[in-house]
């Protein structure tokens, strides 16, 4: 349906002309159009012939719209039935690739085994989740999961850490002090003579 700048389509305009000819033009009137003379009946027939393809397309469009609605309504049941049939075929023919190909199917892929690192990460995340849920009720526990990257540190193959040994700093011991040269019992240290005595 093509429209002009006024938003009115050509088929709408043709139908408006048809309405006018039916309600306004009398049977005795004639109109010269493109070198031909049209009476009310012949003009009405010509207009209806021109608008017929537009009306047919509009009717078909409505049929398609309804068909699309019907298709979407039927989709869930069709998908469920398809999956049921596929499950039976896969169970029946197993890994027979050639036979399954005739149905447009392929054998189910074997579930990939987790690597050692993936298993360790999964275990670490589960442990972290349990730790987060430890002090909460069942409903709150269910709503909490560990998030973020999981870092795993392995000590396999690494050398044991060398214990650090602290060594006490040497303690400075003072050197012995020389005997004082102060006079003992009145002795004069300069001449080795005791006062009051003579050689």
N, C-alpha and C. Protein backbone atom coordinates (compact mmCIF):
# COMPACT_ATOMS: atom_id res chain seq x y z
N UNK A 1 0.85 -1.18 0.00
CA UNK A 1 0.00 0.00 0.00
C UNK A 1 0.88 1.23 0.00
N UNK A 2 0.91 1.95 -1.12
CA UNK A 2 1.72 3.17 -1.22
C UNK A 2 0.89 4.37 -0.82
N UNK A 3 1.55 5.33 -0.15
CA UNK A 3 0.84 6.53 0.30
C UNK A 3 1.52 7.76 -0.25
N UNK A 4 0.77 8.85 -0.34
CA UNK A 4 1.36 10.11 -0.78
C UNK A 4 1.73 10.95 0.43
N UNK A 5 2.04 12.22 0.18
CA UNK A 5 2.48 13.08 1.26
C UNK A 5 1.38 13.33 2.30
N UNK A 6 0.14 13.16 1.92
CA UNK A 6 -0.97 13.37 2.85
C UNK A 6 -1.29 12.11 3.65
N UNK A 7 -0.55 11.04 3.42
CA UNK A 7 -0.78 9.81 4.16
C UNK A 7 -1.94 9.00 3.63
N UNK A 8 -2.46 9.35 2.45
CA UNK A 8 -3.57 8.61 1.85
C UNK A 8 -3.04 7.75 0.73
N UNK A 9 -3.35 6.45 0.77
CA UNK A 9 -2.84 5.53 -0.24
C UNK A 9 -3.66 5.62 -1.52
N UNK A 10 -3.07 5.12 -2.62
CA UNK A 10 -3.75 5.16 -3.91
C UNK A 10 -5.03 4.34 -3.91
N UNK A 11 -4.99 3.18 -3.27
CA UNK A 11 -6.21 2.38 -3.24
C UNK A 11 -7.31 3.06 -2.44
N UNK A 12 -6.94 3.82 -1.40
CA UNK A 12 -7.94 4.58 -0.66
C UNK A 12 -8.55 5.67 -1.55
N UNK A 13 -7.71 6.31 -2.34
CA UNK A 13 -8.22 7.36 -3.25
C UNK A 13 -9.17 6.77 -4.29
N UNK A 14 -8.79 5.60 -4.82
CA UNK A 14 -9.66 4.96 -5.82
C UNK A 14 -11.00 4.58 -5.19
N UNK A 15 -10.98 4.07 -3.97
CA UNK A 15 -12.22 3.72 -3.29
C UNK A 15 -13.06 4.94 -2.97
N UNK A 16 -12.42 6.07 -2.70
CA UNK A 16 -13.16 7.31 -2.48
C UNK A 16 -13.86 7.76 -3.77
N UNK A 17 -13.17 7.58 -4.92
CA UNK A 17 -13.80 7.91 -6.20
C UNK A 17 -15.00 6.99 -6.46
N UNK A 18 -14.84 5.73 -6.16
CA UNK A 18 -15.93 4.77 -6.34
C UNK A 18 -17.14 5.18 -5.50
N UNK A 19 -16.87 5.56 -4.26
CA UNK A 19 -17.97 6.00 -3.39
C UNK A 19 -18.67 7.22 -3.96
N UNK A 20 -17.88 8.16 -4.50
CA UNK A 20 -18.49 9.38 -5.08
C UNK A 20 -19.32 9.08 -6.32
N UNK A 21 -18.82 8.21 -7.19
CA UNK A 21 -19.56 7.86 -8.40
C UNK A 21 -20.89 7.17 -8.03
N UNK A 22 -20.84 6.32 -7.01
CA UNK A 22 -22.04 5.61 -6.61
C UNK A 22 -23.08 6.53 -5.97
N UNK A 23 -22.63 7.53 -5.24
CA UNK A 23 -23.56 8.36 -4.48
C UNK A 23 -23.91 9.69 -5.16
N UNK A 24 -23.06 10.11 -6.09
CA UNK A 24 -23.26 11.46 -6.64
C UNK A 24 -23.61 11.46 -8.13
N UNK A 25 -22.91 10.65 -8.92
CA UNK A 25 -23.10 10.66 -10.38
C UNK A 25 -24.42 9.94 -10.71
N UNK A 26 -25.19 10.56 -11.58
CA UNK A 26 -26.45 9.95 -12.03
C UNK A 26 -26.21 9.07 -13.24
N UNK A 27 -27.15 8.21 -13.50
CA UNK A 27 -26.99 7.27 -14.62
C UNK A 27 -26.96 7.95 -15.97
N UNK A 28 -27.48 9.15 -16.05
CA UNK A 28 -27.52 9.84 -17.35
C UNK A 28 -26.28 10.67 -17.63
N UNK A 29 -25.44 10.86 -16.64
CA UNK A 29 -24.25 11.68 -16.84
C UNK A 29 -23.16 10.90 -17.58
N UNK A 30 -22.35 11.64 -18.35
CA UNK A 30 -21.20 11.06 -19.04
C UNK A 30 -19.97 11.93 -18.80
N UNK A 31 -18.81 11.27 -18.84
CA UNK A 31 -17.55 11.98 -18.61
C UNK A 31 -16.53 11.54 -19.66
N UNK A 32 -15.91 12.53 -20.37
CA UNK A 32 -14.86 12.18 -21.33
C UNK A 32 -13.53 11.99 -20.60
N UNK A 33 -13.00 10.77 -20.58
CA UNK A 33 -11.75 10.48 -19.87
C UNK A 33 -10.83 9.70 -20.81
N UNK A 34 -9.63 10.27 -21.03
CA UNK A 34 -8.62 9.63 -21.90
C UNK A 34 -9.19 9.28 -23.27
N UNK A 35 -9.97 10.21 -23.80
CA UNK A 35 -10.52 10.02 -25.15
C UNK A 35 -11.72 9.09 -25.19
N UNK A 36 -12.22 8.67 -24.06
CA UNK A 36 -13.40 7.81 -24.05
C UNK A 36 -14.50 8.47 -23.23
N UNK A 37 -15.73 8.10 -23.54
CA UNK A 37 -16.89 8.62 -22.84
C UNK A 37 -17.39 7.57 -21.85
N UNK A 38 -17.46 8.00 -20.56
CA UNK A 38 -17.86 7.07 -19.51
C UNK A 38 -19.19 7.53 -18.89
N UNK A 39 -20.11 6.62 -18.82
CA UNK A 39 -21.32 6.85 -18.06
C UNK A 39 -21.08 6.41 -16.63
N UNK A 40 -22.06 6.60 -15.79
CA UNK A 40 -21.89 6.25 -14.37
C UNK A 40 -21.53 4.78 -14.21
N UNK A 41 -22.20 3.91 -14.93
CA UNK A 41 -21.96 2.48 -14.78
C UNK A 41 -20.60 2.05 -15.32
N UNK A 42 -20.21 2.59 -16.47
CA UNK A 42 -18.91 2.20 -17.05
C UNK A 42 -17.75 2.79 -16.25
N UNK A 43 -17.93 4.02 -15.73
CA UNK A 43 -16.89 4.62 -14.91
C UNK A 43 -16.72 3.85 -13.60
N UNK A 44 -17.84 3.43 -13.02
CA UNK A 44 -17.78 2.67 -11.79
C UNK A 44 -17.05 1.33 -12.01
N UNK A 45 -17.34 0.68 -13.11
CA UNK A 45 -16.70 -0.59 -13.43
C UNK A 45 -15.21 -0.41 -13.66
N UNK A 46 -14.80 0.68 -14.34
CA UNK A 46 -13.39 0.94 -14.61
C UNK A 46 -12.63 1.22 -13.33
N UNK A 47 -13.24 1.98 -12.41
CA UNK A 47 -12.58 2.29 -11.15
C UNK A 47 -12.40 1.02 -10.30
N UNK A 48 -13.42 0.17 -10.29
CA UNK A 48 -13.32 -1.06 -9.52
C UNK A 48 -12.24 -1.99 -10.09
N UNK A 49 -12.08 -1.96 -11.41
CA UNK A 49 -11.04 -2.78 -12.03
C UNK A 49 -9.65 -2.29 -11.64
N UNK A 50 -9.51 -0.97 -11.52
CA UNK A 50 -8.21 -0.40 -11.15
C UNK A 50 -7.85 -0.69 -9.69
N UNK A 51 -8.83 -0.69 -8.82
CA UNK A 51 -8.55 -0.86 -7.40
C UNK A 51 -8.49 -2.32 -6.99
N UNK A 52 -8.93 -3.23 -7.85
CA UNK A 52 -8.99 -4.65 -7.49
C UNK A 52 -7.64 -5.23 -7.03
N UNK A 53 -6.51 -4.97 -7.75
CA UNK A 53 -5.23 -5.54 -7.28
C UNK A 53 -4.82 -5.03 -5.90
N UNK A 54 -5.17 -3.78 -5.61
CA UNK A 54 -4.83 -3.20 -4.30
C UNK A 54 -5.64 -3.88 -3.20
N UNK A 55 -6.93 -4.07 -3.50
CA UNK A 55 -7.77 -4.74 -2.50
C UNK A 55 -7.32 -6.18 -2.26
N UNK A 56 -6.89 -6.86 -3.34
CA UNK A 56 -6.44 -8.24 -3.20
C UNK A 56 -5.17 -8.31 -2.35
N UNK A 57 -4.27 -7.37 -2.58
CA UNK A 57 -3.03 -7.35 -1.80
C UNK A 57 -3.31 -7.05 -0.33
N UNK A 58 -4.24 -6.15 -0.07
CA UNK A 58 -4.59 -5.82 1.32
C UNK A 58 -5.20 -7.03 2.02
N UNK A 59 -6.08 -7.73 1.29
CA UNK A 59 -6.70 -8.92 1.86
C UNK A 59 -5.65 -9.99 2.14
N UNK A 60 -4.71 -10.15 1.22
CA UNK A 60 -3.65 -11.14 1.41
C UNK A 60 -2.76 -10.76 2.59
N UNK A 61 -2.52 -9.47 2.75
CA UNK A 61 -1.70 -8.99 3.86
C UNK A 61 -2.36 -9.33 5.19
N UNK A 62 -3.65 -9.16 5.27
CA UNK A 62 -4.36 -9.49 6.50
C UNK A 62 -4.29 -10.99 6.77
N UNK A 63 -4.36 -11.79 5.71
CA UNK A 63 -4.25 -13.24 5.88
C UNK A 63 -2.87 -13.60 6.42
N UNK A 64 -1.83 -12.93 5.87
CA UNK A 64 -0.46 -13.20 6.33
C UNK A 64 -0.29 -12.79 7.79
N UNK A 65 -0.83 -11.65 8.18
CA UNK A 65 -0.73 -11.21 9.56
C UNK A 65 -1.35 -12.22 10.51
N UNK A 66 -2.51 -12.72 10.13
CA UNK A 66 -3.17 -13.73 10.97
C UNK A 66 -2.36 -15.02 11.01
N UNK A 67 -1.78 -15.38 9.84
CA UNK A 67 -0.98 -16.60 9.79
C UNK A 67 0.24 -16.49 10.69
N UNK A 68 0.85 -15.30 10.75
CA UNK A 68 2.02 -15.10 11.61
C UNK A 68 1.62 -15.23 13.08
N UNK A 69 0.48 -14.66 13.44
CA UNK A 69 0.00 -14.78 14.82
C UNK A 69 -0.26 -16.24 15.17
N UNK A 70 -0.89 -16.97 14.25
CA UNK A 70 -1.16 -18.39 14.48
C UNK A 70 0.14 -19.19 14.61
N UNK A 71 1.12 -18.83 13.78
CA UNK A 71 2.40 -19.55 13.84
C UNK A 71 3.08 -19.38 15.19
N UNK A 72 3.11 -18.16 15.69
CA UNK A 72 3.78 -17.92 16.97
C UNK A 72 3.04 -18.59 18.12
N UNK A 73 1.73 -18.67 18.01
CA UNK A 73 0.96 -19.34 19.05
C UNK A 73 1.26 -20.84 19.07
N UNK A 74 1.54 -21.40 17.88
CA UNK A 74 1.80 -22.84 17.78
C UNK A 74 3.25 -23.21 18.06
N UNK A 75 4.12 -22.23 18.15
CA UNK A 75 5.55 -22.51 18.28
C UNK A 75 5.92 -23.33 19.52
N UNK A 76 5.45 -23.00 20.73
CA UNK A 76 5.86 -23.78 21.90
C UNK A 76 5.52 -25.26 21.79
N UNK A 77 4.30 -25.57 21.33
CA UNK A 77 3.91 -26.98 21.22
C UNK A 77 4.73 -27.68 20.14
N UNK A 78 4.98 -26.99 19.03
CA UNK A 78 5.76 -27.59 17.96
C UNK A 78 7.19 -27.87 18.40
N UNK A 79 7.77 -26.93 19.15
CA UNK A 79 9.14 -27.11 19.62
C UNK A 79 9.23 -28.26 20.62
N UNK A 80 8.24 -28.36 21.51
CA UNK A 80 8.25 -29.44 22.49
C UNK A 80 8.14 -30.80 21.80
N UNK A 81 7.28 -30.89 20.78
CA UNK A 81 7.13 -32.15 20.08
C UNK A 81 8.40 -32.50 19.29
N UNK A 82 9.00 -31.49 18.67
CA UNK A 82 10.26 -31.70 17.94
C UNK A 82 11.33 -32.27 18.87
N UNK A 83 11.48 -31.64 20.03
CA UNK A 83 12.51 -32.10 20.97
C UNK A 83 12.24 -33.52 21.45
N UNK A 84 10.97 -33.86 21.63
CA UNK A 84 10.62 -35.22 22.06
C UNK A 84 11.01 -36.24 20.99
N UNK A 85 10.72 -35.91 19.72
CA UNK A 85 11.06 -36.82 18.62
C UNK A 85 12.57 -36.96 18.51
N UNK A 86 13.30 -35.85 18.61
CA UNK A 86 14.76 -35.89 18.51
C UNK A 86 15.36 -36.75 19.61
N UNK A 87 14.84 -36.62 20.82
CA UNK A 87 15.35 -37.42 21.93
C UNK A 87 15.20 -38.91 21.65
N UNK A 88 14.04 -39.30 21.10
CA UNK A 88 13.80 -40.71 20.79
C UNK A 88 14.75 -41.19 19.70
N UNK A 89 14.94 -40.38 18.66
CA UNK A 89 15.82 -40.77 17.57
C UNK A 89 17.27 -40.91 18.04
N UNK A 90 17.72 -39.97 18.85
CA UNK A 90 19.10 -40.04 19.35
C UNK A 90 19.29 -41.26 20.24
N UNK A 91 18.27 -41.57 21.04
CA UNK A 91 18.37 -42.76 21.89
C UNK A 91 18.34 -44.03 21.06
N UNK A 92 17.62 -43.99 19.96
CA UNK A 92 17.47 -45.20 19.14
C UNK A 92 18.68 -45.46 18.25
N UNK A 93 19.24 -44.40 17.66
CA UNK A 93 20.33 -44.57 16.69
C UNK A 93 21.71 -44.26 17.27
N UNK A 94 21.76 -43.77 18.49
CA UNK A 94 23.05 -43.56 19.17
C UNK A 94 24.01 -42.71 18.36
N UNK A 95 25.19 -43.29 18.06
CA UNK A 95 26.25 -42.57 17.34
C UNK A 95 26.28 -42.89 15.85
N UNK A 96 25.17 -43.39 15.32
CA UNK A 96 25.11 -43.71 13.89
C UNK A 96 24.96 -42.41 13.10
N UNK A 97 26.10 -41.81 12.77
CA UNK A 97 26.10 -40.50 12.14
C UNK A 97 25.35 -40.48 10.82
N UNK A 98 25.56 -41.50 9.98
CA UNK A 98 24.93 -41.53 8.66
C UNK A 98 23.41 -41.57 8.77
N UNK A 99 22.91 -42.41 9.66
CA UNK A 99 21.46 -42.52 9.82
C UNK A 99 20.88 -41.24 10.41
N UNK A 100 21.52 -40.68 11.42
CA UNK A 100 21.02 -39.46 12.04
C UNK A 100 21.03 -38.30 11.05
N UNK A 101 21.99 -38.31 10.12
CA UNK A 101 22.07 -37.23 9.13
C UNK A 101 20.84 -37.18 8.25
N UNK A 102 20.17 -38.34 8.03
CA UNK A 102 18.96 -38.34 7.21
C UNK A 102 17.82 -37.58 7.90
N UNK A 103 17.91 -37.42 9.22
CA UNK A 103 16.92 -36.64 9.96
C UNK A 103 17.39 -35.20 10.20
N UNK A 104 18.56 -34.89 9.66
CA UNK A 104 19.11 -33.56 9.92
C UNK A 104 19.70 -33.44 11.31
N UNK A 105 20.11 -34.58 11.88
CA UNK A 105 20.64 -34.59 13.24
C UNK A 105 22.08 -35.06 13.27
N UNK A 106 22.73 -34.87 14.39
CA UNK A 106 24.09 -35.35 14.61
C UNK A 106 24.14 -35.96 16.00
N UNK A 107 25.05 -36.92 16.23
CA UNK A 107 25.15 -37.54 17.56
C UNK A 107 25.44 -36.49 18.62
N UNK A 108 24.97 -36.76 19.83
CA UNK A 108 25.26 -35.85 20.93
C UNK A 108 26.76 -35.86 21.23
N UNK A 109 27.28 -34.70 21.49
CA UNK A 109 28.70 -34.61 21.85
C UNK A 109 28.89 -35.05 23.29
N UNK A 110 29.97 -35.80 23.50
CA UNK A 110 30.28 -36.24 24.87
C UNK A 110 30.62 -35.02 25.72
N UNK A 111 30.16 -35.06 26.97
CA UNK A 111 30.42 -33.95 27.86
C UNK A 111 31.91 -33.85 28.15
N UNK A 112 32.45 -32.65 27.98
CA UNK A 112 33.88 -32.44 28.19
C UNK A 112 34.22 -32.56 29.66
N UNK A 113 35.28 -33.31 29.94
CA UNK A 113 35.75 -33.48 31.30
C UNK A 113 36.51 -32.22 31.74
N UNK A 114 36.30 -31.83 32.97
CA UNK A 114 36.99 -30.66 33.50
C UNK A 114 38.47 -30.97 33.69
N UNK A 115 39.29 -29.98 33.44
CA UNK A 115 40.71 -30.13 33.71
C UNK A 115 40.95 -30.06 35.21
N UNK A 116 42.15 -30.43 35.63
CA UNK A 116 42.48 -30.40 37.05
C UNK A 116 42.35 -28.98 37.61
N UNK A 117 42.78 -28.01 36.81
CA UNK A 117 42.69 -26.63 37.27
C UNK A 117 41.23 -26.19 37.41
N UNK A 118 40.38 -26.59 36.44
CA UNK A 118 38.97 -26.24 36.51
C UNK A 118 38.29 -26.88 37.72
N UNK A 119 38.67 -28.13 38.03
CA UNK A 119 38.10 -28.80 39.19
C UNK A 119 38.51 -28.09 40.48
N UNK A 120 39.78 -27.66 40.54
CA UNK A 120 40.25 -26.95 41.72
C UNK A 120 39.52 -25.63 41.89
N UNK A 121 39.30 -24.92 40.77
CA UNK A 121 38.59 -23.65 40.83
C UNK A 121 37.14 -23.86 41.30
N UNK A 122 36.50 -24.91 40.77
CA UNK A 122 35.12 -25.20 41.16
C UNK A 122 35.03 -25.52 42.64
N UNK A 123 35.98 -26.30 43.13
CA UNK A 123 35.99 -26.66 44.55
C UNK A 123 36.23 -25.43 45.41
N UNK A 124 37.14 -24.55 44.96
CA UNK A 124 37.44 -23.34 45.73
C UNK A 124 36.23 -22.42 45.77
N UNK A 125 35.52 -22.30 44.64
CA UNK A 125 34.34 -21.44 44.60
C UNK A 125 33.23 -22.01 45.48
N UNK A 126 33.07 -23.34 45.46
CA UNK A 126 32.05 -23.96 46.31
C UNK A 126 32.36 -23.73 47.78
N UNK A 127 33.64 -23.83 48.12
CA UNK A 127 34.05 -23.60 49.51
C UNK A 127 33.78 -22.17 49.93
N UNK A 128 34.07 -21.22 49.02
CA UNK A 128 33.83 -19.81 49.32
C UNK A 128 32.33 -19.55 49.48
N UNK A 129 31.52 -20.21 48.65
CA UNK A 129 30.06 -20.05 48.75
C UNK A 129 29.55 -20.58 50.09
N UNK A 130 30.06 -21.74 50.49
CA UNK A 130 29.64 -22.29 51.77
C UNK A 130 30.03 -21.37 52.92
N UNK A 131 31.19 -20.74 52.79
CA UNK A 131 31.63 -19.84 53.85
C UNK A 131 30.71 -18.62 53.94
N UNK A 132 30.27 -18.10 52.77
CA UNK A 132 29.38 -16.94 52.75
C UNK A 132 28.01 -17.28 53.32
N UNK A 133 27.56 -18.50 53.08
CA UNK A 133 26.23 -18.90 53.52
C UNK A 133 26.20 -19.40 54.97
N UNK A 134 27.35 -19.51 55.57
CA UNK A 134 27.44 -20.19 56.86
C UNK A 134 26.58 -19.63 57.97
N UNK A 135 26.38 -18.30 58.02
CA UNK A 135 25.68 -17.71 59.16
C UNK A 135 24.30 -17.22 58.79
N UNK A 136 23.71 -17.66 57.67
CA UNK A 136 22.41 -17.16 57.23
C UNK A 136 21.38 -18.27 57.17
N UNK A 137 20.10 -17.85 57.06
CA UNK A 137 19.01 -18.80 56.94
C UNK A 137 19.01 -19.46 55.58
N UNK A 138 18.16 -20.49 55.39
CA UNK A 138 18.16 -21.25 54.12
C UNK A 138 17.88 -20.39 52.90
N UNK A 139 16.88 -19.47 53.00
CA UNK A 139 16.53 -18.66 51.83
C UNK A 139 17.65 -17.69 51.47
N UNK A 140 18.21 -17.06 52.50
CA UNK A 140 19.31 -16.13 52.25
C UNK A 140 20.54 -16.86 51.73
N UNK A 141 20.75 -18.07 52.24
CA UNK A 141 21.88 -18.86 51.76
C UNK A 141 21.74 -19.15 50.28
N UNK A 142 20.54 -19.49 49.86
CA UNK A 142 20.31 -19.85 48.46
C UNK A 142 20.56 -18.68 47.52
N UNK A 143 20.34 -17.46 48.04
CA UNK A 143 20.48 -16.27 47.19
C UNK A 143 21.92 -15.82 47.05
N UNK A 144 22.84 -16.42 47.79
CA UNK A 144 24.23 -15.97 47.77
C UNK A 144 25.10 -16.99 47.08
N UNK A 145 25.95 -16.51 46.20
CA UNK A 145 26.92 -17.35 45.51
C UNK A 145 28.23 -16.60 45.46
N UNK A 146 29.31 -17.32 45.46
CA UNK A 146 30.62 -16.69 45.34
C UNK A 146 30.78 -16.16 43.93
N UNK A 147 31.34 -14.97 43.81
CA UNK A 147 31.57 -14.38 42.49
C UNK A 147 33.01 -13.95 42.39
N UNK A 148 33.38 -13.55 41.16
CA UNK A 148 34.74 -13.07 40.96
C UNK A 148 35.70 -14.18 40.64
N UNK A 149 36.90 -13.83 40.21
CA UNK A 149 37.90 -14.84 39.84
C UNK A 149 38.40 -15.62 41.05
N UNK A 150 38.76 -16.85 40.79
CA UNK A 150 39.27 -17.71 41.85
C UNK A 150 40.76 -17.94 41.59
N UNK A 151 41.58 -17.67 42.57
CA UNK A 151 43.02 -17.85 42.43
C UNK A 151 43.44 -19.07 43.22
N UNK A 152 44.17 -19.95 42.55
CA UNK A 152 44.62 -21.19 43.19
C UNK A 152 46.14 -21.17 43.25
N UNK A 153 46.69 -21.36 44.42
CA UNK A 153 48.14 -21.40 44.59
C UNK A 153 48.54 -22.82 44.92
N UNK A 154 49.42 -23.39 44.11
CA UNK A 154 49.86 -24.76 44.32
C UNK A 154 51.30 -24.76 44.79
N UNK A 155 51.59 -25.63 45.77
CA UNK A 155 52.96 -25.71 46.28
C UNK A 155 53.69 -26.93 45.73
N UNK A 156 53.03 -27.64 44.77
CA UNK A 156 53.66 -28.84 44.21
C UNK A 156 54.90 -28.45 43.42
N UNK A 157 56.03 -29.09 43.72
CA UNK A 157 57.26 -28.85 42.97
C UNK A 157 58.04 -27.65 43.44
N UNK A 158 57.48 -26.88 44.36
CA UNK A 158 58.23 -25.72 44.83
C UNK A 158 59.06 -26.12 46.03
N UNK A 159 60.17 -25.49 46.21
CA UNK A 159 61.06 -25.82 47.31
C UNK A 159 60.50 -25.26 48.61
N UNK A 160 60.74 -25.95 49.68
CA UNK A 160 60.26 -25.50 50.98
C UNK A 160 60.97 -24.22 51.36
N UNK A 161 60.26 -23.30 51.97
CA UNK A 161 60.91 -22.04 52.34
C UNK A 161 62.00 -22.26 53.39
N UNK A 162 63.08 -21.54 53.24
CA UNK A 162 64.20 -21.66 54.18
C UNK A 162 63.92 -20.82 55.41
N UNK A 163 63.90 -21.44 56.58
CA UNK A 163 63.58 -20.64 57.79
C UNK A 163 64.66 -19.60 58.02
N UNK A 164 64.23 -18.43 58.35
CA UNK A 164 65.20 -17.36 58.59
C UNK A 164 65.72 -17.48 60.02
N UNK A 165 67.03 -17.33 60.20
CA UNK A 165 67.66 -17.45 61.52
C UNK A 165 68.18 -16.09 61.93
N UNK A 166 67.71 -15.62 63.05
CA UNK A 166 68.18 -14.31 63.50
C UNK A 166 69.45 -14.50 64.34
N UNK A 167 70.47 -13.75 64.02
CA UNK A 167 71.77 -13.84 64.75
C UNK A 167 71.90 -12.62 65.63
N UNK A 168 72.12 -12.85 66.91
CA UNK A 168 72.24 -11.72 67.82
C UNK A 168 73.50 -10.93 67.53
N UNK A 169 73.37 -9.63 67.56
CA UNK A 169 74.53 -8.79 67.30
C UNK A 169 75.52 -8.93 68.46
N UNK A 170 76.83 -8.96 68.14
CA UNK A 170 77.83 -9.10 69.22
C UNK A 170 77.75 -7.96 70.21
N UNK A 171 77.86 -8.32 71.50
CA UNK A 171 77.78 -7.30 72.54
C UNK A 171 79.20 -6.79 72.83
N UNK A 172 79.34 -5.50 72.78
CA UNK A 172 80.67 -4.93 73.05
C UNK A 172 81.05 -5.10 74.53
N UNK A 173 82.22 -5.75 74.78
CA UNK A 173 82.70 -5.95 76.16
C UNK A 173 83.78 -4.92 76.45
N UNK A 174 83.62 -4.13 77.46
CA UNK A 174 84.64 -3.08 77.73
C UNK A 174 85.99 -3.70 78.10
N UNK A 175 87.08 -3.09 77.64
CA UNK A 175 88.43 -3.59 77.95
C UNK A 175 88.77 -3.26 79.39
N UNK A 176 89.59 -4.13 80.05
CA UNK A 176 89.92 -3.88 81.47
C UNK A 176 90.68 -2.57 81.64
N UNK A 177 90.33 -1.91 82.70
CA UNK A 177 90.96 -0.60 82.96
C UNK A 177 92.31 -0.78 83.71
N UNK A 178 93.35 -0.04 83.27
CA UNK A 178 94.68 -0.15 83.93
C UNK A 178 94.60 0.37 85.35
N UNK A 179 95.40 -0.22 86.24
CA UNK A 179 95.38 0.24 87.65
C UNK A 179 95.72 1.70 87.75
N UNK A 180 95.03 2.37 88.63
CA UNK A 180 95.26 3.81 88.79
C UNK A 180 96.65 4.06 89.38
N UNK A 181 97.26 5.14 88.96
CA UNK A 181 98.60 5.51 89.49
C UNK A 181 98.52 6.33 90.76
N UNK A 182 97.33 6.36 91.32
CA UNK A 182 97.17 7.15 92.55
C UNK A 182 98.01 6.53 93.67
N UNK A 183 98.62 7.33 94.54
CA UNK A 183 99.50 6.84 95.64
C UNK A 183 98.73 5.99 96.59
N UNK A 184 99.32 4.87 96.94
CA UNK A 184 98.72 3.96 97.92
C UNK A 184 99.45 4.15 99.24
N UNK A 185 98.67 4.30 100.27
CA UNK A 185 99.21 4.47 101.62
C UNK A 185 100.26 5.57 101.68
N UNK A 186 100.01 6.62 100.88
CA UNK A 186 100.90 7.77 100.94
C UNK A 186 102.13 7.63 100.12
N UNK A 187 102.21 6.57 99.23
CA UNK A 187 103.42 6.39 98.42
C UNK A 187 103.42 7.37 97.30
N UNK A 188 104.62 7.84 96.97
CA UNK A 188 104.76 8.76 95.83
C UNK A 188 105.00 7.94 94.60
N UNK A 189 104.08 7.98 93.69
CA UNK A 189 104.25 7.14 92.52
C UNK A 189 105.40 7.55 91.64
N UNK A 190 105.91 8.71 91.79
CA UNK A 190 106.96 9.18 90.89
C UNK A 190 108.33 8.64 91.26
N UNK A 191 108.54 8.30 92.53
CA UNK A 191 109.86 7.81 92.91
C UNK A 191 109.83 6.48 93.62
N UNK A 192 108.63 5.92 93.74
CA UNK A 192 108.51 4.60 94.38
C UNK A 192 108.89 4.61 95.83
N UNK A 193 108.97 5.81 96.48
CA UNK A 193 109.36 5.90 97.88
C UNK A 193 108.13 6.14 98.71
N UNK A 194 107.97 5.35 99.75
CA UNK A 194 106.83 5.52 100.67
C UNK A 194 107.18 6.61 101.64
N UNK A 195 106.26 7.56 101.83
CA UNK A 195 106.51 8.66 102.74
C UNK A 195 106.80 8.15 104.14
N UNK A 196 107.79 8.79 104.75
CA UNK A 196 108.10 8.42 106.13
C UNK A 196 109.07 7.28 106.18
N UNK A 197 109.51 6.74 105.00
CA UNK A 197 110.48 5.62 105.02
C UNK A 197 111.61 5.94 104.12
N UNK A 198 112.82 5.45 104.40
CA UNK A 198 113.99 5.69 103.56
C UNK A 198 114.68 4.39 103.33
N UNK A 199 115.49 4.34 102.24
CA UNK A 199 116.22 3.12 101.93
C UNK A 199 117.35 2.97 102.86
